[in-house]
Amino acid sequence: MTEFNTKNPILIDIPMPIVTDRMIIREPRFCDGVAIHEGKEESFAEIHKWMDWAKTRSTIEEDEIVAREAHIRFLKKEDLTLYAFDKKTGKFLGGTGLHRFDWEHRIIEIGYWYRTSATGKGYATEGTKALIRYAFNALDAKKVTIVVSESNNASRRVIEKAGFKYEYTVHDEDVLPDGSITDKHWYSLYNADHLNDFNVKWGMTP
C-alpha cells in the first residue's frame, strides 16, 4: 500500500492501470480525445440529461483538451479522472474516476458515465466495483461515496448492485443540464469487504 503524504498529495503514487475481467481502467493520456469524442457523440442524448459537462456537444479538439487537462490534474492529484476500455478490443467504454477527495481523511467520491452501446451489459457495475476495491485497498480510503440524481434509475441500480448503502437525500440540490432542479441522493461505503471475491488488479501490465 502507498505511503501517504497528505501535506503534499502530489507525492502519492497512484498505481495504474486497474484491470478487471473485461476492462482496463487507466489515467487520461494525450490523444484520448478522439475516443472520448466518439463515445460522447454516441451517447449525447443520455448524458445530456444528467451530466453538467454535457450541456452542449463538443468538438474533437475540445475533448482532447479535456483529456490533457485531466492528465495534468491526475499528475497533481487534484482529481483522478479515469477512462475505461474494453480489454479485448481497446474500445473506449466510458469515463469514471475518483473525485472530490479529502486526502487527509481519506474520503473519496466515485463518478462514472458509460457510452450507450456499453450500457445494460454490466460494465458500469464492474467498473464501480473495481474502483471501490481500489479506493479502499490501494488508496487507503476510509469512506467512499457516490451521488445520484432523482429519477436517474439506471445509475441508482448500478449503485445498489455495487453494494453502496443509502445515507441521505438533499432536496432541490441538483441543477440538471436543462436547468431543472431535483433531489440528490447520497450513498456510502466504509469498507470493501463485500467485494473480497471480485476480480480486480492494479499497477501491473494487463
N, C-alpha and C. Protein backbone atom coordinates (compact mmCIF):
# COMPACT_ATOMS: atom_id res chain seq x y z
N MET A 1 0.84 -1.19 0.00
CA MET A 1 0.00 0.00 0.00
C MET A 1 0.88 1.25 0.00
N THR A 2 0.43 2.29 -0.68
CA THR A 2 1.19 3.53 -0.81
C THR A 2 1.37 4.23 0.52
N GLU A 3 2.55 4.80 0.73
CA GLU A 3 2.75 5.68 1.86
C GLU A 3 2.17 7.04 1.48
N PHE A 4 1.35 7.63 2.35
CA PHE A 4 0.65 8.85 2.01
C PHE A 4 1.30 10.07 2.64
N ASN A 5 1.46 11.10 1.86
CA ASN A 5 1.89 12.40 2.34
C ASN A 5 0.74 13.36 2.10
N THR A 6 -0.12 13.52 3.10
CA THR A 6 -1.32 14.32 2.90
C THR A 6 -1.03 15.82 2.86
N LYS A 7 0.17 16.23 3.29
CA LYS A 7 0.53 17.64 3.18
C LYS A 7 0.85 18.01 1.75
N ASN A 8 1.29 17.05 0.97
CA ASN A 8 1.58 17.29 -0.44
C ASN A 8 1.18 16.06 -1.23
N PRO A 9 -0.08 15.93 -1.60
CA PRO A 9 -0.57 14.72 -2.27
C PRO A 9 0.11 14.41 -3.59
N ILE A 10 0.81 15.38 -4.18
CA ILE A 10 1.48 15.11 -5.45
C ILE A 10 2.52 14.00 -5.30
N LEU A 11 2.96 13.74 -4.06
CA LEU A 11 3.94 12.69 -3.80
C LEU A 11 3.30 11.31 -3.70
N ILE A 12 1.98 11.25 -3.71
CA ILE A 12 1.30 9.96 -3.58
C ILE A 12 1.39 9.20 -4.91
N ASP A 13 1.80 7.96 -4.85
CA ASP A 13 1.82 7.12 -6.04
C ASP A 13 0.43 6.54 -6.27
N ILE A 14 -0.03 6.63 -7.51
CA ILE A 14 -1.35 6.11 -7.89
C ILE A 14 -1.11 4.95 -8.86
N PRO A 15 -1.14 3.70 -8.40
CA PRO A 15 -0.84 2.57 -9.29
C PRO A 15 -1.87 2.41 -10.39
N MET A 16 -1.39 2.31 -11.60
CA MET A 16 -2.24 2.16 -12.79
C MET A 16 -1.64 1.09 -13.69
N PRO A 17 -2.45 0.44 -14.56
CA PRO A 17 -3.90 0.57 -14.69
C PRO A 17 -4.64 -0.30 -13.69
N ILE A 18 -5.97 -0.16 -13.68
CA ILE A 18 -6.85 -1.04 -12.93
C ILE A 18 -7.45 -2.02 -13.94
N VAL A 19 -7.35 -3.31 -13.65
CA VAL A 19 -7.74 -4.32 -14.64
C VAL A 19 -8.78 -5.25 -14.04
N THR A 20 -9.92 -5.38 -14.72
CA THR A 20 -10.96 -6.32 -14.33
C THR A 20 -11.04 -7.43 -15.37
N ASP A 21 -12.03 -8.28 -15.26
CA ASP A 21 -12.17 -9.38 -16.22
C ASP A 21 -12.33 -8.87 -17.65
N ARG A 22 -13.02 -7.75 -17.82
CA ARG A 22 -13.34 -7.27 -19.17
C ARG A 22 -12.77 -5.91 -19.51
N MET A 23 -12.23 -5.21 -18.52
CA MET A 23 -11.86 -3.81 -18.77
C MET A 23 -10.46 -3.47 -18.29
N ILE A 24 -9.91 -2.45 -18.93
CA ILE A 24 -8.72 -1.76 -18.45
C ILE A 24 -9.15 -0.33 -18.14
N ILE A 25 -8.93 0.08 -16.91
CA ILE A 25 -9.29 1.43 -16.46
C ILE A 25 -7.99 2.15 -16.14
N ARG A 26 -7.78 3.30 -16.77
CA ARG A 26 -6.49 3.97 -16.63
C ARG A 26 -6.65 5.48 -16.60
N GLU A 27 -5.52 6.15 -16.33
CA GLU A 27 -5.49 7.61 -16.31
C GLU A 27 -5.64 8.19 -17.72
N PRO A 28 -6.09 9.43 -17.84
CA PRO A 28 -6.18 10.08 -19.15
C PRO A 28 -4.80 10.26 -19.77
N ARG A 29 -4.76 10.18 -21.08
CA ARG A 29 -3.50 10.35 -21.81
C ARG A 29 -3.72 11.27 -22.99
N PHE A 30 -2.63 11.87 -23.46
CA PHE A 30 -2.71 12.66 -24.67
C PHE A 30 -3.21 11.78 -25.81
N CYS A 31 -4.02 12.35 -26.67
CA CYS A 31 -4.63 11.69 -27.84
C CYS A 31 -5.83 10.81 -27.48
N ASP A 32 -6.32 10.88 -26.24
CA ASP A 32 -7.56 10.19 -25.90
C ASP A 32 -8.80 10.93 -26.42
N GLY A 33 -8.62 12.15 -26.88
CA GLY A 33 -9.75 12.98 -27.26
C GLY A 33 -10.64 12.38 -28.33
N VAL A 34 -10.05 11.71 -29.31
CA VAL A 34 -10.84 11.12 -30.40
C VAL A 34 -11.78 10.06 -29.86
N ALA A 35 -11.26 9.18 -29.02
CA ALA A 35 -12.08 8.10 -28.46
C ALA A 35 -13.18 8.66 -27.55
N ILE A 36 -12.83 9.64 -26.73
CA ILE A 36 -13.82 10.25 -25.85
C ILE A 36 -14.92 10.90 -26.67
N HIS A 37 -14.53 11.62 -27.71
CA HIS A 37 -15.50 12.32 -28.55
C HIS A 37 -16.47 11.33 -29.18
N GLU A 38 -15.97 10.23 -29.69
CA GLU A 38 -16.82 9.22 -30.30
C GLU A 38 -17.84 8.68 -29.29
N GLY A 39 -17.38 8.40 -28.07
CA GLY A 39 -18.29 7.90 -27.04
C GLY A 39 -19.33 8.91 -26.64
N LYS A 40 -18.93 10.18 -26.52
CA LYS A 40 -19.87 11.23 -26.15
C LYS A 40 -20.90 11.49 -27.23
N GLU A 41 -20.46 11.48 -28.49
CA GLU A 41 -21.39 11.70 -29.59
C GLU A 41 -22.45 10.59 -29.63
N GLU A 42 -22.00 9.36 -29.47
CA GLU A 42 -22.93 8.23 -29.47
C GLU A 42 -23.94 8.34 -28.34
N SER A 43 -23.54 8.92 -27.23
CA SER A 43 -24.32 8.86 -26.00
C SER A 43 -24.91 10.21 -25.60
N PHE A 44 -24.83 11.21 -26.46
CA PHE A 44 -25.19 12.57 -26.06
C PHE A 44 -26.61 12.67 -25.53
N ALA A 45 -27.55 12.00 -26.16
CA ALA A 45 -28.95 12.11 -25.73
C ALA A 45 -29.11 11.66 -24.28
N GLU A 46 -28.32 10.69 -23.85
CA GLU A 46 -28.43 10.19 -22.48
C GLU A 46 -27.63 11.04 -21.50
N ILE A 47 -26.35 11.30 -21.82
CA ILE A 47 -25.52 12.04 -20.85
C ILE A 47 -25.99 13.49 -20.71
N HIS A 48 -26.65 14.02 -21.76
CA HIS A 48 -27.16 15.39 -21.70
C HIS A 48 -28.23 15.55 -20.62
N LYS A 49 -28.88 14.45 -20.24
CA LYS A 49 -29.92 14.52 -19.21
C LYS A 49 -29.34 14.77 -17.82
N TRP A 50 -28.09 14.24 -17.59
CA TRP A 50 -27.59 14.18 -16.22
C TRP A 50 -26.26 14.87 -15.98
N MET A 51 -25.42 14.97 -17.00
CA MET A 51 -24.05 15.44 -16.79
C MET A 51 -23.93 16.94 -17.10
N ASP A 52 -23.47 17.68 -16.11
CA ASP A 52 -23.36 19.13 -16.28
C ASP A 52 -22.39 19.49 -17.40
N TRP A 53 -21.36 18.65 -17.62
CA TRP A 53 -20.38 18.94 -18.66
C TRP A 53 -20.88 18.58 -20.05
N ALA A 54 -22.10 18.03 -20.14
CA ALA A 54 -22.66 17.64 -21.44
C ALA A 54 -23.86 18.51 -21.82
N LYS A 55 -23.81 19.78 -21.45
CA LYS A 55 -24.91 20.68 -21.82
C LYS A 55 -24.98 20.87 -23.33
N THR A 56 -23.82 20.94 -23.97
CA THR A 56 -23.76 21.12 -25.42
C THR A 56 -22.78 20.11 -26.00
N ARG A 57 -22.89 19.85 -27.29
CA ARG A 57 -21.96 18.96 -27.97
C ARG A 57 -20.58 19.61 -28.05
N SER A 58 -19.56 18.78 -28.02
CA SER A 58 -18.19 19.26 -28.07
C SER A 58 -17.52 18.81 -29.35
N THR A 59 -16.39 19.44 -29.67
CA THR A 59 -15.59 19.06 -30.83
C THR A 59 -14.51 18.08 -30.39
N ILE A 60 -13.87 17.43 -31.38
CA ILE A 60 -12.75 16.54 -31.06
C ILE A 60 -11.64 17.33 -30.37
N GLU A 61 -11.39 18.54 -30.85
CA GLU A 61 -10.33 19.36 -30.24
C GLU A 61 -10.67 19.68 -28.79
N GLU A 62 -11.91 20.02 -28.51
CA GLU A 62 -12.31 20.32 -27.14
C GLU A 62 -12.17 19.09 -26.24
N ASP A 63 -12.52 17.92 -26.76
CA ASP A 63 -12.39 16.70 -25.96
C ASP A 63 -10.93 16.32 -25.75
N GLU A 64 -10.07 16.65 -26.71
CA GLU A 64 -8.63 16.42 -26.50
C GLU A 64 -8.10 17.34 -25.40
N ILE A 65 -8.59 18.57 -25.38
CA ILE A 65 -8.20 19.49 -24.31
C ILE A 65 -8.65 18.95 -22.96
N VAL A 66 -9.88 18.42 -22.91
CA VAL A 66 -10.40 17.82 -21.68
C VAL A 66 -9.48 16.70 -21.20
N ALA A 67 -9.06 15.83 -22.12
CA ALA A 67 -8.20 14.71 -21.75
C ALA A 67 -6.85 15.20 -21.24
N ARG A 68 -6.28 16.20 -21.89
CA ARG A 68 -4.97 16.70 -21.48
C ARG A 68 -5.04 17.41 -20.13
N GLU A 69 -6.11 18.18 -19.92
CA GLU A 69 -6.26 18.84 -18.63
C GLU A 69 -6.50 17.82 -17.52
N ALA A 70 -7.26 16.76 -17.83
CA ALA A 70 -7.47 15.70 -16.84
C ALA A 70 -6.17 14.98 -16.53
N HIS A 71 -5.32 14.80 -17.54
CA HIS A 71 -4.00 14.20 -17.33
C HIS A 71 -3.17 15.02 -16.34
N ILE A 72 -3.21 16.34 -16.50
CA ILE A 72 -2.45 17.22 -15.61
C ILE A 72 -3.00 17.15 -14.19
N ARG A 73 -4.33 17.18 -14.05
CA ARG A 73 -4.93 17.09 -12.71
C ARG A 73 -4.61 15.76 -12.05
N PHE A 74 -4.54 14.69 -12.87
CA PHE A 74 -4.17 13.38 -12.33
C PHE A 74 -2.75 13.42 -11.77
N LEU A 75 -1.84 13.99 -12.51
CA LEU A 75 -0.45 14.06 -12.06
C LEU A 75 -0.31 14.88 -10.79
N LYS A 76 -1.13 15.92 -10.66
CA LYS A 76 -1.07 16.79 -9.49
C LYS A 76 -1.92 16.27 -8.34
N LYS A 77 -2.64 15.15 -8.58
CA LYS A 77 -3.52 14.52 -7.58
C LYS A 77 -4.66 15.44 -7.17
N GLU A 78 -5.06 16.33 -8.08
CA GLU A 78 -6.19 17.21 -7.80
C GLU A 78 -7.52 16.52 -8.10
N ASP A 79 -7.50 15.60 -9.04
CA ASP A 79 -8.69 14.83 -9.42
C ASP A 79 -8.22 13.61 -10.20
N LEU A 80 -8.87 12.48 -9.97
CA LEU A 80 -8.45 11.26 -10.65
C LEU A 80 -9.51 10.83 -11.65
N THR A 81 -9.61 11.57 -12.75
CA THR A 81 -10.44 11.13 -13.87
C THR A 81 -9.80 9.88 -14.46
N LEU A 82 -10.63 8.89 -14.80
CA LEU A 82 -10.15 7.64 -15.38
C LEU A 82 -11.01 7.27 -16.58
N TYR A 83 -10.42 6.54 -17.52
CA TYR A 83 -11.14 6.08 -18.70
C TYR A 83 -11.14 4.56 -18.76
N ALA A 84 -12.27 4.00 -19.12
CA ALA A 84 -12.45 2.54 -19.19
C ALA A 84 -12.43 2.08 -20.65
N PHE A 85 -11.67 1.02 -20.91
CA PHE A 85 -11.55 0.47 -22.26
C PHE A 85 -11.83 -1.03 -22.22
N ASP A 86 -12.38 -1.55 -23.31
CA ASP A 86 -12.59 -2.98 -23.44
C ASP A 86 -11.23 -3.68 -23.52
N LYS A 87 -11.03 -4.67 -22.69
CA LYS A 87 -9.73 -5.33 -22.62
C LYS A 87 -9.37 -6.02 -23.94
N LYS A 88 -10.35 -6.60 -24.63
CA LYS A 88 -10.08 -7.36 -25.86
C LYS A 88 -9.93 -6.45 -27.08
N THR A 89 -10.81 -5.47 -27.21
CA THR A 89 -10.85 -4.66 -28.44
C THR A 89 -10.17 -3.31 -28.32
N GLY A 90 -9.99 -2.83 -27.09
CA GLY A 90 -9.44 -1.50 -26.88
C GLY A 90 -10.45 -0.38 -27.04
N LYS A 91 -11.71 -0.72 -27.26
CA LYS A 91 -12.74 0.29 -27.48
C LYS A 91 -13.00 1.08 -26.20
N PHE A 92 -13.12 2.40 -26.34
CA PHE A 92 -13.45 3.27 -25.22
C PHE A 92 -14.87 2.98 -24.76
N LEU A 93 -15.03 2.67 -23.47
CA LEU A 93 -16.34 2.32 -22.92
C LEU A 93 -16.98 3.44 -22.13
N GLY A 94 -16.16 4.27 -21.49
CA GLY A 94 -16.74 5.35 -20.72
C GLY A 94 -15.74 6.00 -19.78
N GLY A 95 -16.23 7.00 -19.10
CA GLY A 95 -15.42 7.71 -18.14
C GLY A 95 -15.85 7.39 -16.72
N THR A 96 -14.89 7.34 -15.83
CA THR A 96 -15.18 7.11 -14.42
C THR A 96 -14.13 7.87 -13.64
N GLY A 97 -14.00 7.60 -12.35
CA GLY A 97 -12.95 8.27 -11.62
C GLY A 97 -13.23 8.42 -10.15
N LEU A 98 -12.25 9.00 -9.46
CA LEU A 98 -12.30 9.25 -8.03
C LEU A 98 -12.17 10.76 -7.85
N HIS A 99 -13.21 11.36 -7.29
CA HIS A 99 -13.31 12.81 -7.30
C HIS A 99 -13.55 13.38 -5.90
N ARG A 100 -13.34 14.70 -5.81
CA ARG A 100 -13.67 15.47 -4.60
C ARG A 100 -13.19 14.78 -3.32
N PHE A 101 -11.97 14.27 -3.40
CA PHE A 101 -11.47 13.50 -2.27
C PHE A 101 -10.78 14.39 -1.24
N ASP A 102 -10.77 13.91 -0.06
CA ASP A 102 -10.09 14.52 1.07
C ASP A 102 -8.95 13.58 1.45
N TRP A 103 -7.72 13.94 1.01
CA TRP A 103 -6.59 13.05 1.23
C TRP A 103 -6.30 12.85 2.71
N GLU A 104 -6.53 13.88 3.51
CA GLU A 104 -6.22 13.77 4.94
C GLU A 104 -7.13 12.78 5.64
N HIS A 105 -8.43 12.85 5.33
CA HIS A 105 -9.40 11.98 5.99
C HIS A 105 -9.78 10.77 5.15
N ARG A 106 -9.23 10.68 3.94
CA ARG A 106 -9.41 9.53 3.05
C ARG A 106 -10.89 9.32 2.65
N ILE A 107 -11.55 10.42 2.29
CA ILE A 107 -12.93 10.34 1.80
C ILE A 107 -12.91 10.58 0.30
N ILE A 108 -13.48 9.67 -0.47
CA ILE A 108 -13.39 9.71 -1.93
C ILE A 108 -14.76 9.48 -2.53
N GLU A 109 -15.06 10.20 -3.60
CA GLU A 109 -16.34 10.04 -4.31
C GLU A 109 -16.10 9.39 -5.68
N ILE A 110 -16.88 8.40 -6.01
CA ILE A 110 -16.82 7.75 -7.32
C ILE A 110 -17.84 8.40 -8.26
N GLY A 111 -17.43 8.59 -9.49
CA GLY A 111 -18.35 9.06 -10.53
C GLY A 111 -18.15 8.23 -11.78
N TYR A 112 -19.13 8.23 -12.66
CA TYR A 112 -18.97 7.44 -13.90
C TYR A 112 -20.02 7.83 -14.93
N TRP A 113 -19.69 7.55 -16.20
CA TRP A 113 -20.66 7.50 -17.29
C TRP A 113 -20.14 6.48 -18.29
N TYR A 114 -21.04 5.74 -18.90
CA TYR A 114 -20.65 4.75 -19.90
C TYR A 114 -21.44 4.99 -21.18
N ARG A 115 -20.77 4.79 -22.31
CA ARG A 115 -21.40 5.07 -23.60
C ARG A 115 -22.63 4.19 -23.80
N THR A 116 -23.53 4.64 -24.63
CA THR A 116 -24.82 3.98 -24.81
C THR A 116 -24.66 2.52 -25.22
N SER A 117 -23.74 2.22 -26.12
CA SER A 117 -23.58 0.84 -26.59
C SER A 117 -23.00 -0.08 -25.52
N ALA A 118 -22.51 0.49 -24.42
CA ALA A 118 -21.95 -0.32 -23.34
C ALA A 118 -22.93 -0.48 -22.17
N THR A 119 -24.05 0.22 -22.22
CA THR A 119 -25.00 0.14 -21.11
C THR A 119 -25.81 -1.15 -21.20
N GLY A 120 -26.29 -1.59 -20.05
CA GLY A 120 -27.07 -2.81 -19.98
C GLY A 120 -26.25 -4.08 -20.05
N LYS A 121 -24.93 -3.96 -20.00
CA LYS A 121 -24.04 -5.11 -20.12
C LYS A 121 -23.18 -5.32 -18.87
N GLY A 122 -23.45 -4.56 -17.84
CA GLY A 122 -22.74 -4.74 -16.59
C GLY A 122 -21.41 -4.02 -16.47
N TYR A 123 -21.03 -3.24 -17.48
CA TYR A 123 -19.74 -2.55 -17.42
C TYR A 123 -19.70 -1.51 -16.30
N ALA A 124 -20.77 -0.74 -16.16
CA ALA A 124 -20.78 0.30 -15.12
C ALA A 124 -20.66 -0.32 -13.74
N THR A 125 -21.37 -1.42 -13.50
CA THR A 125 -21.28 -2.09 -12.20
C THR A 125 -19.89 -2.67 -11.98
N GLU A 126 -19.33 -3.29 -13.03
CA GLU A 126 -17.98 -3.87 -12.94
C GLU A 126 -16.95 -2.79 -12.64
N GLY A 127 -17.05 -1.68 -13.35
CA GLY A 127 -16.10 -0.60 -13.13
C GLY A 127 -16.24 0.03 -11.76
N THR A 128 -17.46 0.17 -11.28
CA THR A 128 -17.69 0.76 -9.97
C THR A 128 -17.18 -0.15 -8.86
N LYS A 129 -17.43 -1.44 -9.00
CA LYS A 129 -16.89 -2.39 -8.00
C LYS A 129 -15.36 -2.33 -7.98
N ALA A 130 -14.76 -2.22 -9.15
CA ALA A 130 -13.30 -2.14 -9.22
C ALA A 130 -12.79 -0.91 -8.49
N LEU A 131 -13.46 0.23 -8.67
CA LEU A 131 -12.99 1.45 -8.02
C LEU A 131 -13.23 1.43 -6.52
N ILE A 132 -14.28 0.73 -6.08
CA ILE A 132 -14.48 0.57 -4.64
C ILE A 132 -13.29 -0.17 -4.03
N ARG A 133 -12.96 -1.33 -4.63
CA ARG A 133 -11.81 -2.10 -4.14
C ARG A 133 -10.53 -1.26 -4.19
N TYR A 134 -10.35 -0.55 -5.28
CA TYR A 134 -9.16 0.25 -5.48
C TYR A 134 -9.06 1.36 -4.44
N ALA A 135 -10.16 2.05 -4.20
CA ALA A 135 -10.15 3.16 -3.25
C ALA A 135 -9.77 2.69 -1.85
N PHE A 136 -10.37 1.58 -1.41
CA PHE A 136 -10.09 1.10 -0.06
C PHE A 136 -8.73 0.40 0.05
N ASN A 137 -8.37 -0.39 -0.94
CA ASN A 137 -7.19 -1.23 -0.82
C ASN A 137 -5.91 -0.61 -1.39
N ALA A 138 -6.04 0.24 -2.40
CA ALA A 138 -4.85 0.88 -2.97
C ALA A 138 -4.63 2.28 -2.43
N LEU A 139 -5.72 3.00 -2.13
CA LEU A 139 -5.61 4.38 -1.68
C LEU A 139 -5.96 4.57 -0.21
N ASP A 140 -6.23 3.47 0.48
CA ASP A 140 -6.46 3.52 1.93
C ASP A 140 -7.64 4.41 2.30
N ALA A 141 -8.70 4.38 1.50
CA ALA A 141 -9.89 5.18 1.79
C ALA A 141 -10.54 4.70 3.08
N LYS A 142 -11.14 5.65 3.79
CA LYS A 142 -11.93 5.33 4.98
C LYS A 142 -13.42 5.40 4.68
N LYS A 143 -13.77 6.16 3.65
CA LYS A 143 -15.17 6.28 3.24
C LYS A 143 -15.21 6.56 1.74
N VAL A 144 -16.08 5.86 1.04
CA VAL A 144 -16.29 6.08 -0.39
C VAL A 144 -17.75 6.43 -0.61
N THR A 145 -17.99 7.52 -1.32
CA THR A 145 -19.35 7.98 -1.55
C THR A 145 -19.69 7.96 -3.03
N ILE A 146 -20.97 8.03 -3.31
CA ILE A 146 -21.45 8.15 -4.68
C ILE A 146 -22.79 8.87 -4.63
N VAL A 147 -23.08 9.67 -5.63
CA VAL A 147 -24.26 10.53 -5.62
C VAL A 147 -25.07 10.28 -6.88
N VAL A 148 -26.39 10.28 -6.74
CA VAL A 148 -27.26 10.06 -7.90
C VAL A 148 -28.42 11.05 -7.85
N SER A 149 -28.79 11.54 -9.01
CA SER A 149 -29.92 12.46 -9.12
C SER A 149 -31.23 11.70 -9.06
N GLU A 150 -32.25 12.34 -8.54
CA GLU A 150 -33.59 11.77 -8.55
C GLU A 150 -33.98 11.39 -9.98
N SER A 151 -34.60 10.23 -10.14
CA SER A 151 -35.10 9.71 -11.43
C SER A 151 -34.02 9.11 -12.32
N ASN A 152 -32.75 9.19 -11.94
CA ASN A 152 -31.71 8.52 -12.72
C ASN A 152 -31.66 7.06 -12.25
N ASN A 153 -32.68 6.31 -12.66
CA ASN A 153 -32.87 4.96 -12.14
C ASN A 153 -31.79 3.99 -12.59
N ALA A 154 -31.28 4.16 -13.80
CA ALA A 154 -30.22 3.27 -14.29
C ALA A 154 -28.98 3.40 -13.42
N SER A 155 -28.62 4.63 -13.08
CA SER A 155 -27.45 4.85 -12.23
C SER A 155 -27.70 4.33 -10.82
N ARG A 156 -28.90 4.51 -10.33
CA ARG A 156 -29.23 4.03 -8.99
C ARG A 156 -29.08 2.50 -8.91
N ARG A 157 -29.49 1.80 -9.99
CA ARG A 157 -29.36 0.34 -9.99
C ARG A 157 -27.89 -0.08 -9.93
N VAL A 158 -27.04 0.62 -10.65
CA VAL A 158 -25.60 0.33 -10.60
C VAL A 158 -25.08 0.52 -9.18
N ILE A 159 -25.46 1.61 -8.57
CA ILE A 159 -25.01 1.92 -7.21
C ILE A 159 -25.41 0.83 -6.24
N GLU A 160 -26.65 0.38 -6.34
CA GLU A 160 -27.13 -0.65 -5.43
C GLU A 160 -26.49 -2.00 -5.71
N LYS A 161 -26.28 -2.32 -7.01
CA LYS A 161 -25.61 -3.58 -7.34
C LYS A 161 -24.16 -3.60 -6.85
N ALA A 162 -23.54 -2.44 -6.81
CA ALA A 162 -22.15 -2.34 -6.34
C ALA A 162 -22.06 -2.43 -4.82
N GLY A 163 -23.20 -2.39 -4.14
CA GLY A 163 -23.19 -2.60 -2.70
C GLY A 163 -23.25 -1.36 -1.84
N PHE A 164 -23.41 -0.19 -2.46
CA PHE A 164 -23.49 1.04 -1.67
C PHE A 164 -24.76 1.05 -0.81
N LYS A 165 -24.66 1.74 0.32
CA LYS A 165 -25.78 1.88 1.24
C LYS A 165 -26.28 3.33 1.25
N TYR A 166 -27.59 3.48 1.15
CA TYR A 166 -28.18 4.82 1.15
C TYR A 166 -27.91 5.51 2.48
N GLU A 167 -27.53 6.81 2.39
CA GLU A 167 -27.29 7.58 3.62
C GLU A 167 -28.28 8.71 3.79
N TYR A 168 -28.45 9.57 2.78
CA TYR A 168 -29.37 10.69 2.96
C TYR A 168 -29.68 11.33 1.61
N THR A 169 -30.70 12.22 1.63
CA THR A 169 -31.12 12.96 0.45
C THR A 169 -31.07 14.45 0.75
N VAL A 170 -30.56 15.21 -0.21
CA VAL A 170 -30.61 16.66 -0.13
C VAL A 170 -31.61 17.13 -1.18
N HIS A 171 -32.65 17.80 -0.74
CA HIS A 171 -33.73 18.20 -1.64
C HIS A 171 -33.37 19.47 -2.41
N ASP A 172 -33.80 19.48 -3.67
CA ASP A 172 -33.59 20.64 -4.55
C ASP A 172 -32.13 21.08 -4.56
N GLU A 173 -31.25 20.10 -4.68
CA GLU A 173 -29.82 20.35 -4.62
C GLU A 173 -29.15 20.29 -5.99
N ASP A 174 -29.73 19.50 -6.90
CA ASP A 174 -29.06 19.18 -8.16
C ASP A 174 -29.67 19.97 -9.32
N VAL A 175 -28.86 20.80 -9.96
CA VAL A 175 -29.31 21.54 -11.15
C VAL A 175 -28.91 20.74 -12.38
N LEU A 176 -29.90 20.22 -13.11
CA LEU A 176 -29.63 19.39 -14.27
C LEU A 176 -29.28 20.26 -15.48
N PRO A 177 -28.69 19.67 -16.52
CA PRO A 177 -28.30 20.44 -17.70
C PRO A 177 -29.42 21.26 -18.34
N ASP A 178 -30.67 20.80 -18.21
CA ASP A 178 -31.79 21.55 -18.80
C ASP A 178 -32.28 22.68 -17.90
N GLY A 179 -31.62 22.85 -16.76
CA GLY A 179 -31.98 23.93 -15.85
C GLY A 179 -32.95 23.55 -14.75
N SER A 180 -33.53 22.36 -14.82
CA SER A 180 -34.46 21.93 -13.79
C SER A 180 -33.69 21.53 -12.52
N ILE A 181 -34.38 21.59 -11.39
CA ILE A 181 -33.76 21.28 -10.11
C ILE A 181 -34.40 20.04 -9.52
N THR A 182 -33.57 19.15 -9.01
CA THR A 182 -34.09 17.90 -8.47
C THR A 182 -33.33 17.52 -7.20
N ASP A 183 -33.75 16.43 -6.59
CA ASP A 183 -33.09 15.95 -5.37
C ASP A 183 -31.81 15.19 -5.71
N LYS A 184 -30.92 15.15 -4.74
CA LYS A 184 -29.67 14.43 -4.88
C LYS A 184 -29.56 13.42 -3.74
N HIS A 185 -29.30 12.15 -4.08
CA HIS A 185 -29.24 11.08 -3.09
C HIS A 185 -27.80 10.64 -2.89
N TRP A 186 -27.40 10.51 -1.62
CA TRP A 186 -26.04 10.15 -1.27
C TRP A 186 -25.99 8.72 -0.74
N TYR A 187 -25.01 7.96 -1.25
CA TYR A 187 -24.76 6.59 -0.82
C TYR A 187 -23.31 6.50 -0.37
N SER A 188 -23.03 5.58 0.56
CA SER A 188 -21.67 5.47 1.07
C SER A 188 -21.29 4.03 1.37
N LEU A 189 -19.98 3.82 1.47
CA LEU A 189 -19.41 2.56 1.95
C LEU A 189 -18.24 2.89 2.87
N TYR A 190 -18.01 2.01 3.84
CA TYR A 190 -16.92 2.23 4.78
C TYR A 190 -15.88 1.11 4.70
N ASN A 191 -16.11 0.14 3.82
CA ASN A 191 -15.12 -0.89 3.54
C ASN A 191 -15.55 -1.61 2.27
N ALA A 192 -14.67 -2.47 1.78
CA ALA A 192 -14.95 -3.23 0.55
C ALA A 192 -15.05 -4.72 0.83
N ASP A 193 -15.43 -5.06 2.05
CA ASP A 193 -15.45 -6.47 2.44
C ASP A 193 -16.40 -7.30 1.59
N HIS A 194 -17.48 -6.68 1.13
CA HIS A 194 -18.45 -7.44 0.32
C HIS A 194 -17.92 -7.75 -1.07
N LEU A 195 -16.76 -7.20 -1.43
CA LEU A 195 -16.19 -7.41 -2.76
C LEU A 195 -14.86 -8.16 -2.71
N ASN A 196 -14.64 -8.88 -1.62
CA ASN A 196 -13.37 -9.60 -1.50
C ASN A 196 -13.14 -10.60 -2.62
N ASP A 197 -14.20 -11.14 -3.19
CA ASP A 197 -14.08 -12.14 -4.25
C ASP A 197 -14.14 -11.53 -5.64
N PHE A 198 -14.28 -10.20 -5.72
CA PHE A 198 -14.35 -9.55 -7.03
C PHE A 198 -12.96 -9.49 -7.63
N ASN A 199 -12.83 -9.89 -8.89
CA ASN A 199 -11.53 -9.99 -9.55
C ASN A 199 -11.08 -8.64 -10.10
N VAL A 200 -10.10 -8.03 -9.47
CA VAL A 200 -9.53 -6.77 -9.95
C VAL A 200 -8.09 -6.70 -9.50
N LYS A 201 -7.25 -6.16 -10.38
CA LYS A 201 -5.83 -5.96 -10.08
C LYS A 201 -5.45 -4.54 -10.51
N TRP A 202 -4.33 -4.07 -10.01
CA TRP A 202 -3.88 -2.74 -10.42
C TRP A 202 -2.35 -2.64 -10.34
N GLY A 203 -1.84 -1.66 -11.09
CA GLY A 203 -0.41 -1.39 -11.05
C GLY A 203 0.46 -2.38 -11.77
N MET A 204 -0.10 -3.06 -12.76
CA MET A 204 0.68 -4.06 -13.49
C MET A 204 0.24 -4.06 -14.95
N THR A 205 1.06 -4.63 -15.82
CA THR A 205 0.70 -4.74 -17.22
C THR A 205 -0.42 -5.75 -17.38
N PRO A 206 -1.56 -5.35 -18.03
CA PRO A 206 -2.68 -6.27 -18.17
C PRO A 206 -2.36 -7.44 -19.07
